[in-house]
Protein backbone atom coordinates (compact mmCIF):
# COMPACT_ATOMS: atom_id res chain seq x y z
CA MET A 1 -1.77 -14.05 37.90
CA LYS A 2 -2.53 -10.61 39.40
CA LEU A 3 0.84 -9.30 38.21
CA LEU A 4 0.19 -10.54 34.66
CA SER A 5 -3.28 -8.97 34.74
CA LYS A 6 -1.83 -5.60 35.85
CA HIS A 7 0.81 -5.67 33.09
CA LEU A 8 -1.76 -6.66 30.49
CA SER A 9 -4.10 -3.87 31.63
CA ALA A 10 -1.26 -1.34 31.47
CA CYS A 11 -0.31 -2.47 27.94
CA ILE A 12 -3.92 -2.23 26.74
CA LEU A 13 -4.30 1.24 28.28
CA PHE A 14 -1.03 2.39 26.66
CA PHE A 15 -2.11 1.00 23.27
CA PHE A 16 -5.49 2.76 23.29
CA SER A 17 -4.05 6.06 24.54
CA THR A 18 -1.43 5.93 21.77
CA VAL A 19 -4.09 5.21 19.13
CA ALA A 20 -6.30 8.02 20.44
CA PHE A 21 -3.36 10.44 20.42
CA ALA A 22 -2.44 9.48 16.86
CA GLU A 23 -6.00 10.25 15.68
CA GLN A 24 -5.94 13.72 17.27
CA GLN A 25 -3.13 15.15 15.17
CA GLU A 26 -3.46 18.80 14.33
CA TRP A 27 -3.88 19.98 10.80
CA ALA A 28 -2.23 23.05 9.31
CA PHE A 29 -4.49 25.64 7.76
CA VAL A 30 -4.25 28.72 5.59
CA TRP A 31 -6.95 31.36 5.03
CA VAL A 32 -6.41 33.59 2.01
CA SER A 33 -8.83 36.49 1.67
CA SER A 34 -8.94 38.84 -1.27
CA GLY A 35 -8.88 42.61 -0.90
CA PRO A 36 -8.61 45.54 -3.27
CA GLY A 37 -5.57 44.68 -5.38
CA THR A 38 -4.07 42.27 -2.82
CA TYR A 39 -4.50 39.13 -0.74
CA TYR A 40 -4.34 38.70 3.03
CA VAL A 41 -2.92 35.43 4.37
CA GLU A 42 -3.44 33.85 7.79
CA LYS A 43 -1.83 30.54 8.80
CA GLY A 44 -2.27 28.41 11.86
CA ALA A 45 -3.37 25.10 13.37
CA ALA A 46 -6.72 23.32 13.18
CA LYS A 47 -8.49 20.44 14.84
CA VAL A 48 -10.56 18.63 12.21
CA THR A 49 -13.22 15.97 12.73
CA ILE A 50 -14.62 13.99 9.81
CA GLU A 51 -17.30 11.54 10.87
CA ASN A 52 -20.53 10.13 9.39
CA GLY A 53 -20.52 12.48 6.41
CA GLN A 54 -19.96 15.56 8.57
CA ILE A 55 -16.90 17.79 8.84
CA LYS A 56 -16.06 20.23 11.63
CA ALA A 57 -12.92 22.27 12.11
CA ALA A 58 -11.80 24.72 14.77
CA MET A 59 -8.89 26.83 13.55
CA THR A 60 -6.65 29.41 15.25
CA SER A 61 -4.24 31.61 13.34
CA THR A 62 -0.77 32.50 14.54
CA GLU A 63 -2.24 35.99 15.10
CA GLY A 64 -4.81 34.54 17.54
CA VAL A 65 -7.88 34.81 15.27
CA ASP A 66 -10.35 31.92 15.66
CA TYR A 67 -12.30 30.39 12.78
CA LYS A 68 -14.66 27.45 12.36
CA ILE A 69 -16.14 25.40 9.56
CA VAL A 70 -19.11 23.05 9.80
CA GLY A 71 -20.63 21.09 6.94
CA SER A 72 -20.83 17.90 4.95
CA ILE A 73 -18.37 15.68 3.13
CA VAL A 74 -19.55 13.14 0.57
CA GLY A 75 -16.75 11.27 -1.17
CA GLN A 76 -14.37 14.02 -2.23
CA ARG A 77 -16.98 16.81 -2.29
CA VAL A 78 -17.03 19.20 0.70
CA ASN A 79 -19.67 21.87 1.46
CA VAL A 80 -19.28 23.99 4.60
CA LYS A 81 -20.26 27.18 6.36
CA PHE A 82 -17.24 29.29 7.36
CA THR A 83 -17.22 31.69 10.30
CA ILE A 84 -14.63 34.08 11.66
CA LEU A 85 -15.44 33.99 15.37
CA ASN A 86 -15.97 37.28 17.24
CA SER A 87 -16.34 39.13 13.95
CA ASP A 88 -19.10 40.54 11.76
CA TYR A 89 -17.40 39.20 8.65
CA PHE A 90 -17.87 35.71 7.23
CA ASN A 91 -20.63 34.44 9.49
CA ASN A 92 -21.85 31.06 8.15
CA SER A 93 -20.56 31.93 4.68
CA PRO A 94 -20.86 29.06 2.16
CA PHE A 95 -17.62 27.51 0.88
CA SER A 96 -17.21 24.37 -1.21
CA GLY A 97 -14.35 22.29 -2.49
CA SER A 98 -12.69 18.92 -2.27
CA TYR A 99 -11.07 16.41 0.06
CA THR A 100 -8.03 14.46 -1.11
CA LYS A 101 -6.12 11.65 0.60
CA LYS A 102 -2.91 10.30 -0.91
CA LEU A 103 -0.91 7.41 0.53
CA TRP A 104 2.68 6.57 -0.34
CA SER A 105 5.50 4.37 0.86
CA GLY A 106 9.23 4.72 1.32
CA PHE A 107 9.22 7.64 3.75
CA ALA A 108 9.96 7.02 7.42
CA ASP A 109 8.19 10.13 8.77
CA SER A 110 4.98 10.07 6.70
CA LYS A 111 2.81 7.51 4.98
CA GLY A 112 0.60 10.04 3.22
CA ARG A 113 -1.25 13.32 3.38
CA GLU A 114 -4.81 14.58 3.57
CA ALA A 115 -5.89 17.93 2.15
CA ILE A 116 -9.10 19.94 2.08
CA SER A 117 -9.35 22.85 -0.38
CA LEU A 118 -12.31 25.25 -0.10
CA THR A 119 -13.34 28.44 -1.88
CA ASP A 120 -16.28 30.82 -2.17
CA GLY A 121 -15.02 32.07 -5.52
CA TRP A 122 -13.02 34.94 -4.00
CA ASN A 123 -11.34 33.51 -0.93
CA PHE A 124 -9.55 30.24 -0.14
CA ILE A 125 -9.25 27.90 2.88
CA GLY A 126 -6.68 25.10 2.84
CA LEU A 127 -6.29 22.37 5.46
CA THR A 128 -3.63 19.66 5.37
CA ARG A 129 -2.03 17.05 7.58
CA ASP A 130 0.57 14.34 7.27
CA ILE A 131 -0.56 10.80 8.00
CA LYS A 132 1.97 9.38 10.43
CA PRO A 133 3.14 5.79 10.13
């Protein structure tokens, strides 16, 4: 009985650690800022939390610049404050946009995708992730 209990406990622990890991997938992000006659583009990875009508994201570009967004999400409507950390630019700047989730079938490596698109009218933030099967 003890052996069965140990195996059952190990299986339950493995299941919950696998589920927790699956929920902590990183998102990809892009930050496009407008300048005089051009655009500047930063890409990187983000950790996004959507819970109880709130959204938070911590983002780091491939150049090592850190960003964050904090705000609300109601249905598909998203309103956030955007900050470039350790910078005087874009400190709690308002951005708004939409959240989209699309599910599909027939692909072994993905069962869908989530995307968040935000703008302040001049600049753009995009976040996306594949939903793993």
